[in-house]
PDB file of all heavy atoms in Angstrom:
ATOM      1  N   ARG A   1      10.670  33.977  -5.117  1.00  0.00           N
ATOM      2  CA  ARG A   1      10.748  32.617  -4.589  1.00  0.00           C
ATOM      3  C   ARG A   1       9.362  31.979  -4.523  1.00  0.00           C
ATOM      4  O   ARG A   1       9.197  30.779  -4.779  1.00  0.00           O
ATOM      5  CB  ARG A   1      11.389  32.649  -3.195  1.00  0.00           C
ATOM      6  CG  ARG A   1      11.491  31.297  -2.501  1.00  0.00           C
ATOM      7  CD  ARG A   1      12.316  30.310  -3.291  1.00  0.00           C
ATOM      8  NE  ARG A   1      12.446  29.040  -2.586  1.00  0.00           N
ATOM      9  CZ  ARG A   1      12.763  27.888  -3.163  1.00  0.00           C
ATOM     10  NH1 ARG A   1      12.991  27.845  -4.484  1.00  0.00           N
ATOM     11  NH2 ARG A   1      12.874  26.794  -2.456  1.00  0.00           N
ATOM     12  N   ARG A   2       8.342  32.749  -4.193  1.00  0.00           N
ATOM     13  CA  ARG A   2       6.978  32.233  -4.149  1.00  0.00           C
ATOM     14  C   ARG A   2       6.548  31.713  -5.519  1.00  0.00           C
ATOM     15  O   ARG A   2       5.948  30.643  -5.636  1.00  0.00           O
ATOM     16  CB  ARG A   2       6.009  33.314  -3.676  1.00  0.00           C
ATOM     17  CG  ARG A   2       6.149  33.703  -2.218  1.00  0.00           C
ATOM     18  CD  ARG A   2       5.147  34.799  -1.864  1.00  0.00           C
ATOM     19  NE  ARG A   2       5.406  35.348  -0.554  1.00  0.00           N
ATOM     20  CZ  ARG A   2       4.972  34.824   0.588  1.00  0.00           C
ATOM     21  NH1 ARG A   2       4.229  33.730   0.544  1.00  0.00           N
ATOM     22  NH2 ARG A   2       5.250  35.370   1.747  1.00  0.00           N
ATOM     23  N   ARG A   3       6.853  32.494  -6.550  1.00  0.00           N
ATOM     24  CA  ARG A   3       6.485  32.077  -7.910  1.00  0.00           C
ATOM     25  C   ARG A   3       7.214  30.793  -8.290  1.00  0.00           C
ATOM     26  O   ARG A   3       6.636  29.893  -8.910  1.00  0.00           O
ATOM     27  CB  ARG A   3       6.797  33.196  -8.906  1.00  0.00           C
ATOM     28  CG  ARG A   3       5.837  34.379  -8.828  1.00  0.00           C
ATOM     29  CD  ARG A   3       5.970  35.260 -10.056  1.00  0.00           C
ATOM     30  NE  ARG A   3       7.273  35.920 -10.096  1.00  0.00           N
ATOM     31  CZ  ARG A   3       7.507  37.138  -9.621  1.00  0.00           C
ATOM     32  NH1 ARG A   3       6.512  37.825  -9.073  1.00  0.00           N
ATOM     33  NH2 ARG A   3       8.709  37.671  -9.689  1.00  0.00           N
ATOM     34  N   ASP A   4       8.483  30.703  -7.900  1.00  0.00           N
ATOM     35  CA  ASP A   4       9.254  29.492  -8.203  1.00  0.00           C
ATOM     36  C   ASP A   4       8.674  28.269  -7.497  1.00  0.00           C
ATOM     37  O   ASP A   4       8.623  27.173  -8.066  1.00  0.00           O
ATOM     38  CB  ASP A   4      10.712  29.678  -7.782  1.00  0.00           C
ATOM     39  CG  ASP A   4      11.455  30.673  -8.670  1.00  0.00           C
ATOM     40  OD1 ASP A   4      10.965  30.935  -9.791  1.00  0.00           O
ATOM     41  OD2 ASP A   4      12.501  31.194  -8.229  1.00  0.00           O
ATOM     42  N   LEU A   5       8.230  28.473  -6.254  1.00  0.00           N
ATOM     43  CA  LEU A   5       7.660  27.359  -5.497  1.00  0.00           C
ATOM     44  C   LEU A   5       6.358  26.864  -6.115  1.00  0.00           C
ATOM     45  O   LEU A   5       6.101  25.661  -6.164  1.00  0.00           O
ATOM     46  CB  LEU A   5       7.418  27.770  -4.040  1.00  0.00           C
ATOM     47  CG  LEU A   5       8.654  27.899  -3.143  1.00  0.00           C
ATOM     48  CD1 LEU A   5       8.246  28.369  -1.766  1.00  0.00           C
ATOM     49  CD2 LEU A   5       9.395  26.572  -3.056  1.00  0.00           C
ATOM     50  N   VAL A   6       5.529  27.793  -6.579  1.00  0.00           N
ATOM     51  CA  VAL A   6       4.279  27.412  -7.231  1.00  0.00           C
ATOM     52  C   VAL A   6       4.569  26.563  -8.466  1.00  0.00           C
ATOM     53  O   VAL A   6       3.923  25.524  -8.701  1.00  0.00           O
ATOM     54  CB  VAL A   6       3.456  28.658  -7.613  1.00  0.00           C
ATOM     55  CG1 VAL A   6       2.272  28.276  -8.494  1.00  0.00           C
ATOM     56  CG2 VAL A   6       2.967  29.378  -6.359  1.00  0.00           C
ATOM     57  N   LYS A   7       5.554  26.980  -9.238  1.00  0.00           N
ATOM     58  CA  LYS A   7       5.938  26.211 -10.427  1.00  0.00           C
ATOM     59  C   LYS A   7       6.451  24.829 -10.029  1.00  0.00           C
ATOM     60  O   LYS A   7       6.125  23.820 -10.668  1.00  0.00           O
ATOM     61  CB  LYS A   7       7.018  26.962 -11.206  1.00  0.00           C
ATOM     62  CG  LYS A   7       6.540  28.260 -11.850  1.00  0.00           C
ATOM     63  CD  LYS A   7       7.693  28.952 -12.558  1.00  0.00           C
ATOM     64  CE  LYS A   7       7.250  30.283 -13.172  1.00  0.00           C
ATOM     65  NZ  LYS A   7       8.380  30.989 -13.825  1.00  0.00           N
ATOM     66  N   GLN A   8       7.255  24.797  -8.962  1.00  0.00           N
ATOM     67  CA  GLN A   8       7.824  23.526  -8.523  1.00  0.00           C
ATOM     68  C   GLN A   8       6.738  22.556  -8.064  1.00  0.00           C
ATOM     69  O   GLN A   8       6.769  21.367  -8.387  1.00  0.00           O
ATOM     70  CB  GLN A   8       8.813  23.779  -7.382  1.00  0.00           C
ATOM     71  CG  GLN A   8       9.616  22.547  -6.971  1.00  0.00           C
ATOM     72  CD  GLN A   8      10.635  22.879  -5.892  1.00  0.00           C
ATOM     73  OE1 GLN A   8      10.886  24.048  -5.588  1.00  0.00           O
ATOM     74  NE2 GLN A   8      11.215  21.848  -5.307  1.00  0.00           N
ATOM     75  N   VAL A   9       5.745  23.068  -7.331  1.00  0.00           N
ATOM     76  CA  VAL A   9       4.636  22.227  -6.864  1.00  0.00           C
ATOM     77  C   VAL A   9       3.858  21.679  -8.052  1.00  0.00           C
ATOM     78  O   VAL A   9       3.506  20.485  -8.093  1.00  0.00           O
ATOM     79  CB  VAL A   9       3.710  23.025  -5.925  1.00  0.00           C
ATOM     80  CG1 VAL A   9       2.418  22.253  -5.669  1.00  0.00           C
ATOM     81  CG2 VAL A   9       4.407  23.328  -4.605  1.00  0.00           C
ATOM     82  N   LYS A  10       3.576  22.531  -9.023  1.00  0.00           N
ATOM     83  CA  LYS A  10       2.832  22.086 -10.210  1.00  0.00           C
ATOM     84  C   LYS A  10       3.593  20.993 -10.949  1.00  0.00           C
ATOM     85  O   LYS A  10       2.989  20.024 -11.436  1.00  0.00           O
ATOM     86  CB  LYS A  10       2.572  23.277 -11.131  1.00  0.00           C
ATOM     87  CG  LYS A  10       1.522  24.253 -10.603  1.00  0.00           C
ATOM     88  CD  LYS A  10       1.281  25.377 -11.598  1.00  0.00           C
ATOM     89  CE  LYS A  10       0.191  26.321 -11.101  1.00  0.00           C
ATOM     90  NZ  LYS A  10      -0.044  27.433 -12.059  1.00  0.00           N
ATOM     91  N   VAL A  11       4.914  21.143 -11.042  1.00  0.00           N
ATOM     92  CA  VAL A  11       5.730  20.142 -11.730  1.00  0.00           C
ATOM     93  C   VAL A  11       5.653  18.797 -11.004  1.00  0.00           C
ATOM     94  O   VAL A  11       5.476  17.741 -11.633  1.00  0.00           O
ATOM     95  CB  VAL A  11       7.196  20.616 -11.834  1.00  0.00           C
ATOM     96  CG1 VAL A  11       8.102  19.463 -12.271  1.00  0.00           C
ATOM     97  CG2 VAL A  11       7.316  21.768 -12.824  1.00  0.00           C
ATOM     98  N   GLU A  12       5.771  18.819  -9.661  1.00  0.00           N
ATOM     99  CA  GLU A  12       5.731  17.573  -8.889  1.00  0.00           C
ATOM    100  C   GLU A  12       4.368  16.892  -9.003  1.00  0.00           C
ATOM    101  O   GLU A  12       4.281  15.668  -9.133  1.00  0.00           O
ATOM    102  CB  GLU A  12       6.059  17.854  -7.421  1.00  0.00           C
ATOM    103  CG  GLU A  12       7.470  18.353  -7.159  1.00  0.00           C
ATOM    104  CD  GLU A  12       8.533  17.327  -7.542  1.00  0.00           C
ATOM    105  OE1 GLU A  12       8.217  16.119  -7.616  1.00  0.00           O
ATOM    106  OE2 GLU A  12       9.681  17.729  -7.771  1.00  0.00           O
ATOM    107  N   ILE A  13       3.300  17.677  -8.961  1.00  0.00           N
ATOM    108  CA  ILE A  13       1.951  17.112  -9.070  1.00  0.00           C
ATOM    109  C   ILE A  13       1.737  16.501 -10.451  1.00  0.00           C
ATOM    110  O   ILE A  13       1.166  15.418 -10.589  1.00  0.00           O
ATOM    111  CB  ILE A  13       0.885  18.184  -8.772  1.00  0.00           C
ATOM    112  CG1 ILE A  13       0.935  18.589  -7.300  1.00  0.00           C
ATOM    113  CG2 ILE A  13      -0.508  17.679  -9.132  1.00  0.00           C
ATOM    114  CD1 ILE A  13       0.008  19.725  -6.939  1.00  0.00           C
ATOM    115  N   GLU A  14       2.201  17.188 -11.477  1.00  0.00           N
ATOM    116  CA  GLU A  14       2.033  16.678 -12.835  1.00  0.00           C
ATOM    117  C   GLU A  14       2.824  15.385 -13.031  1.00  0.00           C
ATOM    118  O   GLU A  14       2.339  14.445 -13.685  1.00  0.00           O
ATOM    119  CB  GLU A  14       2.489  17.729 -13.849  1.00  0.00           C
ATOM    120  CG  GLU A  14       2.161  17.391 -15.292  1.00  0.00           C
ATOM    121  CD  GLU A  14       0.677  17.185 -15.546  1.00  0.00           C
ATOM    122  OE1 GLU A  14      -0.141  17.846 -14.863  1.00  0.00           O
ATOM    123  OE2 GLU A  14       0.335  16.366 -16.417  1.00  0.00           O
ATOM    124  N   LYS A  15       4.016  15.306 -12.439  1.00  0.00           N
ATOM    125  CA  LYS A  15       4.796  14.066 -12.512  1.00  0.00           C
ATOM    126  C   LYS A  15       4.030  12.910 -11.887  1.00  0.00           C
ATOM    127  O   LYS A  15       3.997  11.799 -12.429  1.00  0.00           O
ATOM    128  CB  LYS A  15       6.137  14.246 -11.785  1.00  0.00           C
ATOM    129  CG  LYS A  15       7.161  15.098 -12.496  1.00  0.00           C
ATOM    130  CD  LYS A  15       8.431  15.165 -11.666  1.00  0.00           C
ATOM    131  CE  LYS A  15       9.494  16.032 -12.329  1.00  0.00           C
ATOM    132  NZ  LYS A  15      10.715  16.129 -11.481  1.00  0.00           N
ATOM    133  N   SER A  16       3.402  13.171 -10.756  1.00  0.00           N
ATOM    134  CA  SER A  16       2.643  12.128 -10.078  1.00  0.00           C
ATOM    135  C   SER A  16       1.427  11.708 -10.907  1.00  0.00           C
ATOM    136  O   SER A  16       1.105  10.518 -11.002  1.00  0.00           O
ATOM    137  CB  SER A  16       2.199  12.624  -8.694  1.00  0.00           C
ATOM    138  OG  SER A  16       1.515  11.626  -7.992  1.00  0.00           O
ATOM    139  N   LYS A  17       0.742  12.686 -11.516  1.00  0.00           N
ATOM    140  CA  LYS A  17      -0.403  12.370 -12.368  1.00  0.00           C
ATOM    141  C   LYS A  17       0.016  11.486 -13.543  1.00  0.00           C
ATOM    142  O   LYS A  17      -0.651  10.496 -13.866  1.00  0.00           O
ATOM    143  CB  LYS A  17      -1.034  13.655 -12.895  1.00  0.00           C
ATOM    144  CG  LYS A  17      -1.847  14.441 -11.879  1.00  0.00           C
ATOM    145  CD  LYS A  17      -2.448  15.665 -12.545  1.00  0.00           C
ATOM    146  CE  LYS A  17      -3.299  16.470 -11.581  1.00  0.00           C
ATOM    147  NZ  LYS A  17      -3.867  17.684 -12.235  1.00  0.00           N
ATOM    148  N   ILE A  18       1.114  11.860 -14.178  1.00  0.00           N
ATOM    149  CA  ILE A  18       1.593  11.088 -15.333  1.00  0.00           C
ATOM    150  C   ILE A  18       1.944   9.669 -14.906  1.00  0.00           C
ATOM    151  O   ILE A  18       1.629   8.696 -15.599  1.00  0.00           O
ATOM    152  CB  ILE A  18       2.813  11.786 -15.963  1.00  0.00           C
ATOM    153  CG1 ILE A  18       2.381  13.110 -16.604  1.00  0.00           C
ATOM    154  CG2 ILE A  18       3.476  10.882 -16.995  1.00  0.00           C
ATOM    155  CD1 ILE A  18       3.533  13.957 -17.089  1.00  0.00           C
ATOM    156  N   SER A  19       2.584   9.545 -13.741  1.00  0.00           N
ATOM    157  CA  SER A  19       2.953   8.222 -13.246  1.00  0.00           C
ATOM    158  C   SER A  19       1.727   7.360 -13.014  1.00  0.00           C
ATOM    159  O   SER A  19       1.686   6.184 -13.413  1.00  0.00           O
ATOM    160  CB  SER A  19       3.755   8.365 -11.953  1.00  0.00           C
ATOM    161  OG  SER A  19       4.076   7.102 -11.426  1.00  0.00           O
ATOM    162  N   CYS A  20       0.684   7.929 -12.398  1.00  0.00           N
ATOM    163  CA  CYS A  20      -0.547   7.168 -12.137  1.00  0.00           C
ATOM    164  C   CYS A  20      -1.259   6.806 -13.443  1.00  0.00           C
ATOM    165  O   CYS A  20      -1.800   5.702 -13.583  1.00  0.00           O
ATOM    166  CB  CYS A  20      -1.485   7.971 -11.238  1.00  0.00           C
ATOM    167  SG  CYS A  20      -0.942   8.081  -9.509  1.00  0.00           S
ATOM    168  N   ARG A  21      -1.257   7.733 -14.401  1.00  0.00           N
ATOM    169  CA  ARG A  21      -1.887   7.444 -15.701  1.00  0.00           C
ATOM    170  C   ARG A  21      -1.167   6.296 -16.398  1.00  0.00           C
ATOM    171  O   ARG A  21      -1.801   5.427 -17.008  1.00  0.00           O
ATOM    172  CB  ARG A  21      -1.863   8.690 -16.588  1.00  0.00           C
ATOM    173  CG  ARG A  21      -2.797   9.807 -16.140  1.00  0.00           C
ATOM    174  CD  ARG A  21      -2.909  10.860 -17.214  1.00  0.00           C
ATOM    175  NE  ARG A  21      -3.481  12.095 -16.706  1.00  0.00           N
ATOM    176  CZ  ARG A  21      -2.805  13.222 -16.543  1.00  0.00           C
ATOM    177  NH1 ARG A  21      -1.521  13.272 -16.879  1.00  0.00           N
ATOM    178  NH2 ARG A  21      -3.397  14.303 -16.062  1.00  0.00           N
ATOM    179  N   ASN A  22       0.153   6.297 -16.313  1.00  0.00           N
ATOM    180  CA  ASN A  22       0.930   5.226 -16.952  1.00  0.00           C
ATOM    181  C   ASN A  22       0.626   3.879 -16.314  1.00  0.00           C
ATOM    182  O   ASN A  22       0.502   2.860 -17.002  1.00  0.00           O
ATOM    183  CB  ASN A  22       2.425   5.529 -16.854  1.00  0.00           C
ATOM    184  CG  ASN A  22       2.853   6.686 -17.748  1.00  0.00           C
ATOM    185  OD1 ASN A  22       2.160   7.024 -18.709  1.00  0.00           O
ATOM    186  ND2 ASN A  22       3.976   7.305 -17.436  1.00  0.00           N
ATOM    187  N   VAL A  23       0.512   3.874 -14.989  1.00  0.00           N
ATOM    188  CA  VAL A  23       0.176   2.632 -14.291  1.00  0.00           C
ATOM    189  C   VAL A  23      -1.202   2.151 -14.718  1.00  0.00           C
ATOM    190  O   VAL A  23      -1.417   0.959 -14.988  1.00  0.00           O
ATOM    191  CB  VAL A  23       0.228   2.836 -12.761  1.00  0.00           C
ATOM    192  CG1 VAL A  23      -0.317   1.600 -12.043  1.00  0.00           C
ATOM    193  CG2 VAL A  23       1.643   3.130 -12.303  1.00  0.00           C
ATOM    194  N   ARG A  24      -2.159   3.070 -14.789  1.00  0.00           N
ATOM    195  CA  ARG A  24      -3.520   2.705 -15.186  1.00  0.00           C
ATOM    196  C   ARG A  24      -3.545   2.141 -16.597  1.00  0.00           C
ATOM    197  O   ARG A  24      -4.225   1.135 -16.874  1.00  0.00           O
ATOM    198  CB  ARG A  24      -4.433   3.924 -15.094  1.00  0.00           C
ATOM    199  CG  ARG A  24      -5.889   3.630 -15.438  1.00  0.00           C
ATOM    200  CD  ARG A  24      -6.742   4.866 -15.274  1.00  0.00           C
ATOM    201  NE  ARG A  24      -6.316   5.926 -16.182  1.00  0.00           N
ATOM    202  CZ  ARG A  24      -6.784   7.171 -16.148  1.00  0.00           C
ATOM    203  NH1 ARG A  24      -7.681   7.511 -15.245  1.00  0.00           N
ATOM    204  NH2 ARG A  24      -6.350   8.075 -17.000  1.00  0.00           N
ATOM    205  N   GLN A  25      -2.803   2.768 -17.493  1.00  0.00           N
ATOM    206  CA  GLN A  25      -2.784   2.295 -18.877  1.00  0.00           C
ATOM    207  C   GLN A  25      -2.179   0.900 -18.980  1.00  0.00           C
ATOM    208  O   GLN A  25      -2.697   0.023 -19.686  1.00  0.00           O
ATOM    209  CB  GLN A  25      -1.982   3.275 -19.747  1.00  0.00           C
ATOM    210  CG  GLN A  25      -1.987   2.917 -21.236  1.00  0.00           C
ATOM    211  CD  GLN A  25      -3.382   2.902 -21.820  1.00  0.00           C
ATOM    212  OE1 GLN A  25      -4.137   3.866 -21.674  1.00  0.00           O
ATOM    213  NE2 GLN A  25      -3.746   1.808 -22.476  1.00  0.00           N
ATOM    214  N   LYS A  26      -1.082   0.678 -18.247  1.00  0.00           N
ATOM    215  CA  LYS A  26      -0.456  -0.650 -18.264  1.00  0.00           C
ATOM    216  C   LYS A  26      -1.406  -1.705 -17.704  1.00  0.00           C
ATOM    217  O   LYS A  26      -1.475  -2.824 -18.230  1.00  0.00           O
ATOM    218  CB  LYS A  26       0.838  -0.623 -17.448  1.00  0.00           C
ATOM    219  CG  LYS A  26       1.972   0.164 -18.095  1.00  0.00           C
ATOM    220  CD  LYS A  26       3.206   0.146 -17.213  1.00  0.00           C
ATOM    221  CE  LYS A  26       4.339   0.958 -17.837  1.00  0.00           C
ATOM    222  NZ  LYS A  26       5.540   0.978 -16.950  1.00  0.00           N
ATOM    223  N   SER A  27      -2.135  -1.343 -16.654  1.00  0.00           N
ATOM    224  CA  SER A  27      -3.083  -2.286 -16.058  1.00  0.00           C
ATOM    225  C   SER A  27      -4.215  -2.598 -17.021  1.00  0.00           C
ATOM    226  O   SER A  27      -4.637  -3.758 -17.151  1.00  0.00           O
ATOM    227  CB  SER A  27      -3.646  -1.716 -14.747  1.00  0.00           C
ATOM    228  OG  SER A  27      -2.620  -1.480 -13.829  1.00  0.00           O
ATOM    229  N   ASN A  28      -4.742  -1.577 -17.687  1.00  0.00           N
ATOM    230  CA  ASN A  28      -5.802  -1.795 -18.676  1.00  0.00           C
ATOM    231  C   ASN A  28      -5.328  -2.690 -19.809  1.00  0.00           C
ATOM    232  O   ASN A  28      -6.051  -3.586 -20.269  1.00  0.00           O
ATOM    233  CB  ASN A  28      -6.285  -0.457 -19.233  1.00  0.00           C
ATOM    234  CG  ASN A  28      -7.209   0.270 -18.276  1.00  0.00           C
ATOM    235  OD1 ASN A  28      -7.866  -0.359 -17.453  1.00  0.00           O
ATOM    236  ND2 ASN A  28      -7.276   1.587 -18.377  1.00  0.00           N
ATOM    237  N   ASP A  29      -4.103  -2.448 -20.258  1.00  0.00           N
ATOM    238  CA  ASP A  29      -3.546  -3.274 -21.345  1.00  0.00           C
ATOM    239  C   ASP A  29      -3.416  -4.729 -20.903  1.00  0.00           C
ATOM    240  O   ASP A  29      -3.706  -5.653 -21.673  1.00  0.00           O
ATOM    241  CB  ASP A  29      -2.178  -2.730 -21.769  1.00  0.00           C
ATOM    242  CG  ASP A  29      -2.283  -1.383 -22.474  1.00  0.00           C
ATOM    243  OD1 ASP A  29      -3.399  -1.017 -22.906  1.00  0.00           O
ATOM    244  OD2 ASP A  29      -1.248  -0.683 -22.578  1.00  0.00           O
ATOM    245  N   GLU A  30      -2.981  -4.924 -19.652  1.00  0.00           N
ATOM    246  CA  GLU A  30      -2.802  -6.286 -19.159  1.00  0.00           C
ATOM    247  C   GLU A  30      -4.150  -6.992 -18.973  1.00  0.00           C
ATOM    248  O   GLU A  30      -4.303  -8.168 -19.315  1.00  0.00           O
ATOM    249  CB  GLU A  30      -2.038  -6.265 -17.831  1.00  0.00           C
ATOM    250  CG  GLU A  30      -1.750  -7.624 -17.231  1.00  0.00           C
ATOM    251  CD  GLU A  30      -0.881  -8.507 -18.116  1.00  0.00           C
ATOM    252  OE1 GLU A  30      -0.233  -7.972 -19.051  1.00  0.00           O
ATOM    253  OE2 GLU A  30      -0.858  -9.733 -17.886  1.00  0.00           O
ATOM    254  N   LEU A  31      -5.157  -6.275 -18.448  1.00  0.00           N
ATOM    255  CA  LEU A  31      -6.484  -6.861 -18.297  1.00  0.00           C
ATOM    256  C   LEU A  31      -7.090  -7.200 -19.659  1.00  0.00           C
ATOM    257  O   LEU A  31      -7.779  -8.220 -19.817  1.00  0.00           O
ATOM    258  CB  LEU A  31      -7.406  -5.897 -17.543  1.00  0.00           C
ATOM    259  CG  LEU A  31      -7.111  -5.717 -16.057  1.00  0.00           C
ATOM    260  CD1 LEU A  31      -7.970  -4.604 -15.478  1.00  0.00           C
ATOM    261  CD2 LEU A  31      -7.350  -7.018 -15.284  1.00  0.00           C
ATOM    262  N   LYS A  32      -6.825  -6.360 -20.635  1.00  0.00           N
ATOM    263  CA  LYS A  32      -7.318  -6.632 -21.996  1.00  0.00           C
ATOM    264  C   LYS A  32      -6.628  -7.864 -22.567  1.00  0.00           C
ATOM    265  O   LYS A  32      -7.259  -8.705 -23.223  1.00  0.00           O
ATOM    266  CB  LYS A  32      -7.065  -5.418 -22.877  1.00  0.00           C
ATOM    267  CG  LYS A  32      -7.632  -5.563 -24.283  1.00  0.00           C
ATOM    268  CD  LYS A  32      -7.412  -4.293 -25.094  1.00  0.00           C
ATOM    269  CE  LYS A  32      -8.004  -4.426 -26.501  1.00  0.00           C
ATOM    270  NZ  LYS A  32      -7.797  -3.179 -27.282  1.00  0.00           N
ATOM    271  N   ARG A  33      -5.320  -8.000 -22.278  1.00  0.00           N
ATOM    272  CA  ARG A  33      -4.560  -9.134 -22.810  1.00  0.00           C
ATOM    273  C   ARG A  33      -5.091 -10.462 -22.299  1.00  0.00           C
ATOM    274  O   ARG A  33      -5.166 -11.450 -23.040  1.00  0.00           O
ATOM    275  CB  ARG A  33      -3.087  -8.988 -22.431  1.00  0.00           C
ATOM    276  CG  ARG A  33      -2.176 -10.078 -23.021  1.00  0.00           C
ATOM    277  CD  ARG A  33      -0.767  -9.986 -22.483  1.00  0.00           C
ATOM    278  NE  ARG A  33      -0.709 -10.360 -21.079  1.00  0.00           N
ATOM    279  CZ  ARG A  33      -0.689 -11.628 -20.639  1.00  0.00           C
ATOM    280  NH1 ARG A  33      -0.730 -12.636 -21.507  1.00  0.00           N
ATOM    281  NH2 ARG A  33      -0.620 -11.886 -19.352  1.00  0.00           N
ATOM    282  N   ILE A  34      -5.482 -10.488 -21.014  1.00  0.00           N
ATOM    283  CA  ILE A  34      -5.968 -11.747 -20.445  1.00  0.00           C
ATOM    284  C   ILE A  34      -7.486 -11.892 -20.567  1.00  0.00           C
ATOM    285  O   ILE A  34      -8.086 -12.817 -20.026  1.00  0.00           O
ATOM    286  CB  ILE A  34      -5.549 -11.888 -18.963  1.00  0.00           C
ATOM    287  CG1 ILE A  34      -6.168 -10.769 -18.112  1.00  0.00           C
ATOM    288  CG2 ILE A  34      -4.039 -11.893 -18.830  1.00  0.00           C
ATOM    289  CD1 ILE A  34      -5.845 -10.898 -16.628  1.00  0.00           C
ATOM    290  N   GLY A  35      -8.109 -10.937 -21.260  1.00  0.00           N
ATOM    291  CA  GLY A  35      -9.535 -11.057 -21.557  1.00  0.00           C
ATOM    292  C   GLY A  35     -10.466 -10.661 -20.439  1.00  0.00           C
ATOM    293  O   GLY A  35     -11.611 -11.112 -20.401  1.00  0.00           O
ATOM    294  N   TRP A  36     -10.009  -9.783 -19.534  1.00  0.00           N
ATOM    295  CA  TRP A  36     -10.843  -9.413 -18.389  1.00  0.00           C
ATOM    296  C   TRP A  36     -11.067  -7.915 -18.259  1.00  0.00           C
ATOM    297  O   TRP A  36     -11.486  -7.440 -17.206  1.00  0.00           O
ATOM    298  CB  TRP A  36     -10.213  -9.951 -17.091  1.00  0.00           C
ATOM    299  CG  TRP A  36     -10.589 -11.369 -16.852  1.00  0.00           C
ATOM    300  CD1 TRP A  36      -9.957 -12.477 -17.339  1.00  0.00           C
ATOM    301  CD2 TRP A  36     -11.706 -11.840 -16.106  1.00  0.00           C
ATOM    302  NE1 TRP A  36     -10.594 -13.614 -16.935  1.00  0.00           N
ATOM    303  CE2 TRP A  36     -11.678 -13.258 -16.166  1.00  0.00           C
ATOM    304  CE3 TRP A  36     -12.720 -11.217 -15.393  1.00  0.00           C
ATOM    305  CZ2 TRP A  36     -12.637 -14.042 -15.546  1.00  0.00           C
ATOM    306  CZ3 TRP A  36     -13.668 -12.003 -14.760  1.00  0.00           C
ATOM    307  CH2 TRP A  36     -13.624 -13.403 -14.847  1.00  0.00           C
ATOM    308  N   ARG A  37     -10.817  -7.179 -19.306  1.00  0.00           N
ATOM    309  CA  ARG A  37     -11.058  -5.745 -19.208  1.00  0.00           C
ATOM    310  C   ARG A  37     -12.552  -5.435 -19.271  1.00  0.00           C
ATOM    311  O   ARG A  37     -13.056  -4.574 -18.555  1.00  0.00           O
ATOM    312  CB  ARG A  37     -10.318  -5.001 -20.322  1.00  0.00           C
ATOM    313  CG  ARG A  37     -10.532  -3.498 -20.252  1.00  0.00           C
ATOM    314  CD  ARG A  37      -9.744  -2.770 -21.304  1.00  0.00           C
ATOM    315  NE  ARG A  37     -10.005  -1.336 -21.265  1.00  0.00           N
ATOM    316  CZ  ARG A  37      -9.479  -0.458 -22.088  1.00  0.00           C
ATOM    317  NH1 ARG A  37      -8.622  -0.855 -23.010  1.00  0.00           N
ATOM    318  NH2 ARG A  37      -9.769   0.812 -21.998  1.00  0.00           N
TER     319      ARG A  37
END
């Protein structure tokens, strides 16, 4: 169960990282579109 929990925590953290990266990329694209990047 300990090993499963470690895997589960890593999965949740990676999901959060991917979500933040996607937000950052969308923001960069939008700032570039309006000429303010």
